[in-house]
N, C-alpha and C. Protein backbone atom coordinates (compact mmCIF):
# COMPACT_ATOMS: atom_id res chain seq x y z
N MET A 1 -38.39 3.81 -56.77
CA MET A 1 -38.69 3.68 -55.38
C MET A 1 -37.67 2.76 -54.70
N GLN A 2 -37.35 1.62 -55.34
CA GLN A 2 -36.40 0.70 -54.77
C GLN A 2 -35.03 1.33 -54.65
N THR A 3 -34.64 2.14 -55.57
CA THR A 3 -33.34 2.79 -55.56
C THR A 3 -33.23 3.73 -54.37
N LEU A 4 -34.30 4.47 -54.09
CA LEU A 4 -34.29 5.37 -52.93
C LEU A 4 -34.18 4.58 -51.62
N GLU A 5 -34.87 3.45 -51.55
CA GLU A 5 -34.80 2.63 -50.34
C GLU A 5 -33.41 2.06 -50.14
N ARG A 6 -32.78 1.63 -51.26
CA ARG A 6 -31.41 1.09 -51.16
C ARG A 6 -30.44 2.16 -50.70
N LYS A 7 -30.56 3.36 -51.26
CA LYS A 7 -29.68 4.46 -50.86
C LYS A 7 -29.89 4.80 -49.38
N ALA A 8 -31.14 4.82 -48.96
CA ALA A 8 -31.44 5.12 -47.56
C ALA A 8 -30.90 4.02 -46.65
N ASN A 9 -31.01 2.76 -47.08
CA ASN A 9 -30.52 1.64 -46.31
C ASN A 9 -29.00 1.69 -46.19
N ARG A 10 -28.31 2.01 -47.31
CA ARG A 10 -26.85 2.13 -47.30
C ARG A 10 -26.41 3.28 -46.41
N ALA A 11 -27.11 4.39 -46.47
CA ALA A 11 -26.78 5.54 -45.63
C ALA A 11 -26.97 5.18 -44.16
N SER A 12 -28.01 4.45 -43.86
CA SER A 12 -28.28 4.02 -42.49
C SER A 12 -27.19 3.08 -41.99
N GLN A 13 -26.76 2.14 -42.83
CA GLN A 13 -25.69 1.22 -42.45
C GLN A 13 -24.38 1.97 -42.23
N ALA A 14 -24.10 2.95 -43.06
CA ALA A 14 -22.88 3.74 -42.91
C ALA A 14 -22.90 4.52 -41.60
N GLU A 15 -24.06 5.06 -41.24
CA GLU A 15 -24.18 5.80 -39.97
C GLU A 15 -23.97 4.87 -38.78
N VAL A 16 -24.53 3.68 -38.84
CA VAL A 16 -24.37 2.70 -37.76
C VAL A 16 -22.91 2.31 -37.64
N TYR A 17 -22.25 2.07 -38.79
CA TYR A 17 -20.84 1.70 -38.77
C TYR A 17 -20.01 2.84 -38.20
N ALA A 18 -20.27 4.07 -38.62
CA ALA A 18 -19.51 5.23 -38.14
C ALA A 18 -19.68 5.38 -36.64
N PHE A 19 -20.91 5.22 -36.15
CA PHE A 19 -21.16 5.33 -34.70
C PHE A 19 -20.40 4.23 -33.95
N SER A 20 -20.46 3.00 -34.48
CA SER A 20 -19.79 1.87 -33.85
C SER A 20 -18.28 2.09 -33.85
N HIS A 21 -17.75 2.63 -34.94
CA HIS A 21 -16.32 2.90 -35.06
C HIS A 21 -15.89 3.95 -34.04
N ARG A 22 -16.67 5.03 -33.91
CA ARG A 22 -16.35 6.07 -32.93
C ARG A 22 -16.38 5.51 -31.52
N ARG A 23 -17.36 4.68 -31.23
CA ARG A 23 -17.49 4.07 -29.91
C ARG A 23 -16.29 3.17 -29.62
N THR A 24 -15.85 2.40 -30.59
CA THR A 24 -14.69 1.52 -30.43
C THR A 24 -13.44 2.34 -30.16
N HIS A 25 -13.26 3.41 -30.92
CA HIS A 25 -12.09 4.28 -30.71
C HIS A 25 -12.14 4.94 -29.35
N LEU A 26 -13.30 5.40 -28.94
CA LEU A 26 -13.44 6.03 -27.63
C LEU A 26 -13.10 5.04 -26.52
N ALA A 27 -13.61 3.83 -26.62
CA ALA A 27 -13.32 2.80 -25.61
C ALA A 27 -11.83 2.50 -25.58
N TRP A 28 -11.21 2.41 -26.75
CA TRP A 28 -9.78 2.13 -26.82
C TRP A 28 -8.98 3.24 -26.13
N TRP A 29 -9.32 4.50 -26.41
CA TRP A 29 -8.63 5.62 -25.78
C TRP A 29 -8.84 5.65 -24.27
N LEU A 30 -10.05 5.32 -23.83
CA LEU A 30 -10.32 5.29 -22.39
C LEU A 30 -9.49 4.21 -21.69
N PHE A 31 -9.39 3.04 -22.30
CA PHE A 31 -8.56 1.98 -21.74
C PHE A 31 -7.09 2.37 -21.74
N LEU A 32 -6.65 3.05 -22.80
CA LEU A 32 -5.26 3.51 -22.86
C LEU A 32 -4.99 4.51 -21.74
N LEU A 33 -5.89 5.46 -21.54
CA LEU A 33 -5.71 6.44 -20.46
C LEU A 33 -5.73 5.75 -19.09
N ALA A 34 -6.60 4.77 -18.91
CA ALA A 34 -6.64 4.03 -17.64
C ALA A 34 -5.32 3.29 -17.42
N ALA A 35 -4.80 2.66 -18.46
CA ALA A 35 -3.52 1.95 -18.35
C ALA A 35 -2.40 2.90 -17.95
N ILE A 36 -2.36 4.06 -18.59
CA ILE A 36 -1.33 5.05 -18.26
C ILE A 36 -1.50 5.53 -16.82
N GLY A 37 -2.75 5.75 -16.41
CA GLY A 37 -3.01 6.19 -15.04
C GLY A 37 -2.55 5.16 -14.02
N PHE A 38 -2.89 3.90 -14.25
CA PHE A 38 -2.47 2.84 -13.33
C PHE A 38 -0.95 2.69 -13.32
N MET A 39 -0.33 2.81 -14.49
CA MET A 39 1.12 2.66 -14.55
C MET A 39 1.85 3.84 -13.93
N ALA A 40 1.19 4.98 -13.82
CA ALA A 40 1.79 6.11 -13.10
C ALA A 40 1.51 6.01 -11.60
N ALA A 41 0.30 5.60 -11.24
CA ALA A 41 -0.09 5.53 -9.83
C ALA A 41 0.65 4.42 -9.09
N GLY A 42 0.92 3.31 -9.76
CA GLY A 42 1.60 2.19 -9.12
C GLY A 42 2.99 2.55 -8.61
N PRO A 43 3.88 3.03 -9.48
CA PRO A 43 5.21 3.41 -9.00
C PRO A 43 5.18 4.54 -7.97
N TYR A 44 4.23 5.45 -8.11
CA TYR A 44 4.10 6.52 -7.12
C TYR A 44 3.76 5.92 -5.74
N THR A 45 2.84 4.98 -5.72
CA THR A 45 2.45 4.33 -4.46
C THR A 45 3.62 3.54 -3.88
N ILE A 46 4.36 2.86 -4.72
CA ILE A 46 5.54 2.13 -4.26
C ILE A 46 6.55 3.11 -3.65
N ALA A 47 6.79 4.21 -4.32
CA ALA A 47 7.74 5.21 -3.82
C ALA A 47 7.31 5.78 -2.48
N ARG A 48 6.02 6.06 -2.34
CA ARG A 48 5.52 6.59 -1.06
C ARG A 48 5.66 5.55 0.04
N GLY A 49 5.42 4.27 -0.26
CA GLY A 49 5.61 3.21 0.73
C GLY A 49 7.06 3.08 1.15
N LEU A 50 7.96 3.15 0.18
CA LEU A 50 9.39 3.09 0.50
C LEU A 50 9.82 4.30 1.32
N ASP A 51 9.30 5.47 0.99
CA ASP A 51 9.61 6.68 1.77
C ASP A 51 9.14 6.52 3.22
N ALA A 52 7.94 5.99 3.39
CA ALA A 52 7.39 5.81 4.74
C ALA A 52 8.25 4.82 5.53
N ARG A 53 8.62 3.73 4.90
CA ARG A 53 9.45 2.74 5.59
C ARG A 53 10.81 3.32 5.95
N ASN A 54 11.40 4.10 5.04
CA ASN A 54 12.68 4.75 5.34
C ASN A 54 12.56 5.74 6.49
N GLU A 55 11.44 6.45 6.54
CA GLU A 55 11.24 7.40 7.63
C GLU A 55 11.12 6.68 8.97
N VAL A 56 10.39 5.57 9.00
CA VAL A 56 10.28 4.79 10.24
C VAL A 56 11.67 4.30 10.65
N ARG A 57 12.43 3.76 9.71
CA ARG A 57 13.78 3.27 10.01
C ARG A 57 14.66 4.39 10.54
N ASP A 58 14.62 5.55 9.90
CA ASP A 58 15.45 6.68 10.33
C ASP A 58 15.07 7.15 11.73
N GLN A 59 13.76 7.21 12.01
CA GLN A 59 13.32 7.66 13.34
C GLN A 59 13.71 6.65 14.42
N LEU A 60 13.58 5.37 14.11
CA LEU A 60 14.00 4.36 15.09
C LEU A 60 15.51 4.40 15.31
N ALA A 61 16.27 4.53 14.24
CA ALA A 61 17.73 4.56 14.35
C ALA A 61 18.19 5.78 15.14
N ALA A 62 17.48 6.91 15.00
CA ALA A 62 17.85 8.14 15.70
C ALA A 62 17.76 7.98 17.22
N GLU A 63 16.93 7.06 17.68
CA GLU A 63 16.79 6.83 19.13
C GLU A 63 17.93 6.00 19.71
N LYS A 64 18.71 5.37 18.84
CA LYS A 64 19.89 4.58 19.24
C LYS A 64 19.54 3.50 20.28
N ILE A 65 18.43 2.81 20.07
CA ILE A 65 18.00 1.74 20.97
C ILE A 65 18.66 0.44 20.50
N VAL A 66 19.18 -0.32 21.47
CA VAL A 66 19.74 -1.64 21.18
C VAL A 66 19.01 -2.64 22.06
N THR A 67 18.58 -3.74 21.46
CA THR A 67 17.85 -4.75 22.21
C THR A 67 18.78 -5.38 23.25
N PRO A 68 18.23 -5.74 24.42
CA PRO A 68 19.07 -6.36 25.46
C PRO A 68 19.35 -7.83 25.15
N GLU A 69 20.19 -8.44 25.98
CA GLU A 69 20.59 -9.83 25.81
C GLU A 69 19.41 -10.80 25.81
N ASP A 70 18.38 -10.49 26.59
CA ASP A 70 17.27 -11.44 26.73
C ASP A 70 16.14 -11.19 25.73
N ALA A 71 16.35 -10.35 24.75
CA ALA A 71 15.34 -10.09 23.72
C ALA A 71 15.33 -11.23 22.70
N ALA A 72 14.25 -11.33 21.94
CA ALA A 72 14.16 -12.35 20.89
C ALA A 72 15.24 -12.14 19.84
N ILE A 73 15.63 -10.89 19.62
CA ILE A 73 16.73 -10.56 18.71
C ILE A 73 17.75 -9.79 19.57
N PRO A 74 18.70 -10.51 20.20
CA PRO A 74 19.59 -9.87 21.17
C PRO A 74 20.65 -8.96 20.53
N ASN A 75 20.98 -7.88 21.26
CA ASN A 75 22.08 -6.96 20.92
C ASN A 75 21.98 -6.41 19.49
N ALA A 76 20.78 -6.10 19.07
CA ALA A 76 20.58 -5.57 17.71
C ALA A 76 20.04 -4.15 17.79
N PRO A 77 20.53 -3.26 16.92
CA PRO A 77 19.95 -1.91 16.89
C PRO A 77 18.49 -1.98 16.43
N VAL A 78 17.64 -1.22 17.06
CA VAL A 78 16.22 -1.21 16.70
C VAL A 78 16.05 -0.27 15.51
N VAL A 79 15.88 -0.88 14.32
CA VAL A 79 15.77 -0.09 13.09
C VAL A 79 14.68 -0.58 12.14
N ASP A 80 13.93 -1.61 12.55
CA ASP A 80 12.88 -2.13 11.67
C ASP A 80 11.76 -2.72 12.52
N HIS A 81 10.76 -3.28 11.85
CA HIS A 81 9.60 -3.80 12.58
C HIS A 81 9.96 -4.97 13.48
N ALA A 82 10.83 -5.84 13.05
CA ALA A 82 11.17 -7.02 13.84
C ALA A 82 11.89 -6.64 15.12
N THR A 83 12.87 -5.75 15.02
CA THR A 83 13.61 -5.36 16.23
C THR A 83 12.76 -4.47 17.13
N ALA A 84 11.88 -3.65 16.55
CA ALA A 84 10.98 -2.84 17.37
C ALA A 84 10.03 -3.73 18.15
N HIS A 85 9.53 -4.77 17.50
CA HIS A 85 8.61 -5.70 18.16
C HIS A 85 9.35 -6.48 19.25
N ALA A 86 10.58 -6.91 18.96
CA ALA A 86 11.37 -7.65 19.95
C ALA A 86 11.65 -6.77 21.17
N GLN A 87 11.96 -5.49 20.94
CA GLN A 87 12.22 -4.58 22.05
C GLN A 87 10.94 -4.33 22.86
N ALA A 88 9.82 -4.19 22.20
CA ALA A 88 8.55 -3.98 22.89
C ALA A 88 8.21 -5.20 23.76
N ASP A 89 8.46 -6.38 23.24
CA ASP A 89 8.17 -7.60 24.00
C ASP A 89 9.06 -7.71 25.25
N VAL A 90 10.32 -7.37 25.11
CA VAL A 90 11.22 -7.47 26.27
C VAL A 90 10.90 -6.38 27.30
N ILE A 91 10.45 -5.22 26.85
CA ILE A 91 10.02 -4.18 27.79
C ILE A 91 8.82 -4.68 28.59
N LYS A 92 7.89 -5.32 27.92
CA LYS A 92 6.71 -5.88 28.60
C LYS A 92 7.14 -6.91 29.63
N LYS A 93 8.05 -7.78 29.23
CA LYS A 93 8.54 -8.83 30.14
C LYS A 93 9.17 -8.20 31.39
N HIS A 94 10.02 -7.22 31.20
CA HIS A 94 10.70 -6.58 32.33
C HIS A 94 9.71 -5.80 33.20
N ALA A 95 8.75 -5.14 32.57
CA ALA A 95 7.76 -4.38 33.34
C ALA A 95 6.90 -5.31 34.19
N LEU A 96 6.50 -6.44 33.64
CA LEU A 96 5.70 -7.40 34.40
C LEU A 96 6.51 -7.99 35.57
N GLU A 97 7.80 -8.19 35.35
CA GLU A 97 8.67 -8.66 36.44
C GLU A 97 8.74 -7.61 37.55
N ALA A 98 8.86 -6.33 37.15
CA ALA A 98 8.98 -5.25 38.13
C ALA A 98 7.69 -4.98 38.89
N THR A 99 6.55 -5.32 38.29
CA THR A 99 5.26 -5.02 38.92
C THR A 99 4.59 -6.26 39.49
N GLY A 100 5.32 -7.36 39.57
CA GLY A 100 4.73 -8.58 40.11
C GLY A 100 3.68 -9.18 39.18
N GLY A 101 3.83 -8.98 37.88
CA GLY A 101 2.92 -9.56 36.90
C GLY A 101 1.68 -8.74 36.63
N LYS A 102 1.62 -7.52 37.17
CA LYS A 102 0.44 -6.67 36.97
C LYS A 102 0.72 -5.61 35.92
N THR A 103 -0.34 -5.27 35.18
CA THR A 103 -0.24 -4.19 34.20
C THR A 103 -0.52 -2.85 34.89
N TYR A 104 -0.31 -1.78 34.17
CA TYR A 104 -0.55 -0.44 34.70
C TYR A 104 -1.97 -0.32 35.25
N ALA A 105 -2.95 -0.79 34.51
CA ALA A 105 -4.35 -0.67 34.92
C ALA A 105 -4.67 -1.50 36.15
N GLU A 106 -3.92 -2.55 36.38
CA GLU A 106 -4.18 -3.41 37.53
C GLU A 106 -3.53 -2.92 38.82
N LEU A 107 -2.58 -2.02 38.71
CA LEU A 107 -1.86 -1.53 39.90
C LEU A 107 -2.67 -0.46 40.63
N ASP A 108 -2.53 -0.46 41.95
CA ASP A 108 -3.17 0.55 42.79
C ASP A 108 -2.54 1.91 42.48
N ARG A 109 -3.32 2.96 42.55
CA ARG A 109 -2.82 4.32 42.25
C ARG A 109 -1.63 4.72 43.11
N GLU A 110 -1.53 4.17 44.31
CA GLU A 110 -0.45 4.53 45.23
C GLU A 110 0.77 3.62 45.10
N ASP A 111 0.67 2.60 44.27
CA ASP A 111 1.78 1.65 44.11
C ASP A 111 2.95 2.35 43.41
N PRO A 112 4.16 2.30 44.01
CA PRO A 112 5.31 2.96 43.38
C PRO A 112 5.72 2.30 42.05
N ALA A 113 5.33 1.06 41.80
CA ALA A 113 5.66 0.39 40.54
C ALA A 113 4.78 0.87 39.40
N ARG A 114 3.75 1.65 39.75
CA ARG A 114 2.83 2.13 38.72
C ARG A 114 3.54 3.02 37.69
N GLN A 115 4.49 3.83 38.12
CA GLN A 115 5.24 4.69 37.20
C GLN A 115 6.08 3.85 36.24
N THR A 116 6.66 2.78 36.75
CA THR A 116 7.43 1.87 35.89
C THR A 116 6.52 1.24 34.83
N ALA A 117 5.34 0.81 35.25
CA ALA A 117 4.38 0.20 34.32
C ALA A 117 3.92 1.23 33.29
N PHE A 118 3.71 2.48 33.74
CA PHE A 118 3.29 3.53 32.81
C PHE A 118 4.37 3.81 31.76
N THR A 119 5.60 3.95 32.22
CA THR A 119 6.72 4.21 31.30
C THR A 119 6.87 3.05 30.31
N ALA A 120 6.79 1.82 30.83
CA ALA A 120 6.91 0.65 29.95
C ALA A 120 5.78 0.62 28.93
N SER A 121 4.57 0.92 29.36
CA SER A 121 3.42 0.94 28.45
C SER A 121 3.59 2.00 27.36
N THR A 122 4.09 3.15 27.75
CA THR A 122 4.32 4.23 26.79
C THR A 122 5.38 3.84 25.76
N LEU A 123 6.49 3.27 26.24
CA LEU A 123 7.55 2.84 25.33
C LEU A 123 7.07 1.73 24.39
N ARG A 124 6.33 0.78 24.94
CA ARG A 124 5.78 -0.30 24.10
C ARG A 124 4.85 0.24 23.03
N THR A 125 4.01 1.20 23.42
CA THR A 125 3.08 1.79 22.46
C THR A 125 3.84 2.45 21.31
N ALA A 126 4.89 3.19 21.65
CA ALA A 126 5.68 3.85 20.61
C ALA A 126 6.35 2.84 19.68
N LEU A 127 6.92 1.80 20.27
CA LEU A 127 7.58 0.78 19.46
C LEU A 127 6.59 0.00 18.60
N MET A 128 5.45 -0.34 19.18
CA MET A 128 4.44 -1.06 18.41
C MET A 128 3.85 -0.18 17.30
N SER A 129 3.74 1.11 17.56
CA SER A 129 3.27 2.03 16.51
C SER A 129 4.27 2.08 15.35
N ALA A 130 5.56 2.05 15.69
CA ALA A 130 6.58 2.03 14.64
C ALA A 130 6.49 0.74 13.83
N ALA A 131 6.30 -0.38 14.52
CA ALA A 131 6.16 -1.67 13.82
C ALA A 131 4.92 -1.65 12.92
N LEU A 132 3.83 -1.09 13.43
CA LEU A 132 2.61 -0.99 12.63
C LEU A 132 2.83 -0.10 11.40
N ALA A 133 3.50 1.04 11.60
CA ALA A 133 3.77 1.94 10.48
C ALA A 133 4.63 1.24 9.42
N TRP A 134 5.56 0.42 9.86
CA TRP A 134 6.40 -0.34 8.94
C TRP A 134 5.52 -1.28 8.09
N HIS A 135 4.58 -1.96 8.74
CA HIS A 135 3.70 -2.88 8.02
C HIS A 135 2.74 -2.13 7.08
N VAL A 136 2.29 -0.97 7.48
CA VAL A 136 1.43 -0.17 6.59
C VAL A 136 2.24 0.26 5.36
N ALA A 137 3.50 0.63 5.57
CA ALA A 137 4.35 0.99 4.43
C ALA A 137 4.54 -0.21 3.50
N ASP A 138 4.73 -1.39 4.08
CA ASP A 138 4.84 -2.61 3.25
C ASP A 138 3.55 -2.85 2.47
N LEU A 139 2.42 -2.60 3.12
CA LEU A 139 1.13 -2.75 2.45
C LEU A 139 1.03 -1.78 1.27
N ALA A 140 1.45 -0.54 1.46
CA ALA A 140 1.42 0.45 0.37
C ALA A 140 2.31 0.00 -0.79
N ILE A 141 3.46 -0.56 -0.47
CA ILE A 141 4.35 -1.05 -1.52
C ILE A 141 3.67 -2.18 -2.30
N GLY A 142 3.05 -3.10 -1.58
CA GLY A 142 2.35 -4.22 -2.23
C GLY A 142 1.19 -3.74 -3.10
N ILE A 143 0.44 -2.78 -2.61
CA ILE A 143 -0.66 -2.22 -3.40
C ILE A 143 -0.11 -1.53 -4.65
N GLY A 144 1.01 -0.84 -4.49
CA GLY A 144 1.64 -0.20 -5.65
C GLY A 144 2.05 -1.20 -6.72
N VAL A 145 2.58 -2.33 -6.29
CA VAL A 145 2.95 -3.39 -7.25
C VAL A 145 1.70 -3.90 -7.95
N PHE A 146 0.63 -4.11 -7.18
CA PHE A 146 -0.62 -4.59 -7.76
C PHE A 146 -1.20 -3.59 -8.76
N ILE A 147 -1.19 -2.31 -8.41
CA ILE A 147 -1.69 -1.27 -9.31
C ILE A 147 -0.87 -1.23 -10.60
N THR A 148 0.44 -1.35 -10.46
CA THR A 148 1.31 -1.36 -11.64
C THR A 148 0.99 -2.56 -12.53
N ALA A 149 0.77 -3.72 -11.92
CA ALA A 149 0.44 -4.92 -12.69
C ALA A 149 -0.88 -4.73 -13.45
N ILE A 150 -1.85 -4.11 -12.81
CA ILE A 150 -3.12 -3.83 -13.51
C ILE A 150 -2.86 -2.92 -14.71
N GLY A 151 -2.02 -1.91 -14.52
CA GLY A 151 -1.69 -1.01 -15.63
C GLY A 151 -1.02 -1.75 -16.78
N VAL A 152 -0.11 -2.64 -16.47
CA VAL A 152 0.57 -3.42 -17.51
C VAL A 152 -0.44 -4.31 -18.25
N LEU A 153 -1.32 -4.97 -17.50
CA LEU A 153 -2.33 -5.82 -18.14
C LEU A 153 -3.27 -5.00 -19.02
N LEU A 154 -3.66 -3.83 -18.54
CA LEU A 154 -4.51 -2.96 -19.37
C LEU A 154 -3.78 -2.53 -20.64
N LEU A 155 -2.51 -2.21 -20.51
CA LEU A 155 -1.72 -1.80 -21.67
C LEU A 155 -1.59 -2.94 -22.68
N ILE A 156 -1.39 -4.15 -22.19
CA ILE A 156 -1.33 -5.31 -23.09
C ILE A 156 -2.68 -5.48 -23.80
N GLY A 157 -3.76 -5.34 -23.04
CA GLY A 157 -5.10 -5.44 -23.64
C GLY A 157 -5.33 -4.35 -24.68
N VAL A 158 -4.89 -3.15 -24.38
CA VAL A 158 -5.04 -2.04 -25.32
C VAL A 158 -4.26 -2.32 -26.60
N ALA A 159 -3.04 -2.86 -26.45
CA ALA A 159 -2.22 -3.16 -27.62
C ALA A 159 -2.87 -4.25 -28.48
N MET A 160 -3.49 -5.21 -27.83
CA MET A 160 -4.13 -6.30 -28.57
C MET A 160 -5.42 -5.85 -29.24
N LEU A 161 -6.11 -4.89 -28.69
CA LEU A 161 -7.41 -4.46 -29.21
C LEU A 161 -7.35 -3.18 -30.02
N ARG A 162 -6.16 -2.74 -30.36
CA ARG A 162 -6.03 -1.49 -31.10
C ARG A 162 -6.79 -1.56 -32.43
N PRO A 163 -7.63 -0.57 -32.69
CA PRO A 163 -8.36 -0.57 -33.97
C PRO A 163 -7.37 -0.48 -35.14
N THR A 164 -7.62 -1.29 -36.16
CA THR A 164 -6.75 -1.28 -37.33
C THR A 164 -7.31 -0.34 -38.39
N ARG A 165 -6.52 -0.08 -39.40
CA ARG A 165 -6.95 0.82 -40.48
C ARG A 165 -8.12 0.23 -41.25
N THR A 166 -8.16 -1.09 -41.36
CA THR A 166 -9.27 -1.70 -42.11
C THR A 166 -10.59 -1.50 -41.37
N GLN A 167 -10.54 -1.46 -40.04
CA GLN A 167 -11.75 -1.20 -39.28
C GLN A 167 -12.18 0.25 -39.45
N ALA A 168 -11.21 1.14 -39.65
CA ALA A 168 -11.52 2.55 -39.77
C ALA A 168 -12.06 2.90 -41.16
N ALA A 169 -11.80 2.09 -42.15
CA ALA A 169 -12.23 2.40 -43.52
C ALA A 169 -13.72 2.34 -43.70
């Protein structure tokens, strides 16, 4: 009777060990796949952010806008967020000078300066949208770096926790 109980106990322990071993291997493989996924997604996100920033730069450069003398960044081609913002600010300054300090919404419908304020508002909106798109692209690049770092950390963890042959025996 004792022999049967010992055999049953050993068989039970072997089943528990086998289940635990399979679970450990499954977890290891899942972490490895997650690491690979993060390490692929990170550089892809960085590349998309760089593409977006290049597209904003190319579109701004195609307009051949140069900031005026009185801009925060004088006589510079508008090709990035800083120069786009500087140009938008100087447009606002000039528009307010032309309208007596009033915005488009504050001007009477019959005021001839209203068209100047409208044009200035439209140009500022376009330039500020370009500056915003530049910052969103920078954000995507930063997120891509963060995702890549997570992938590297997961891969280091996977390498450290790799099941050994003695665990598999």
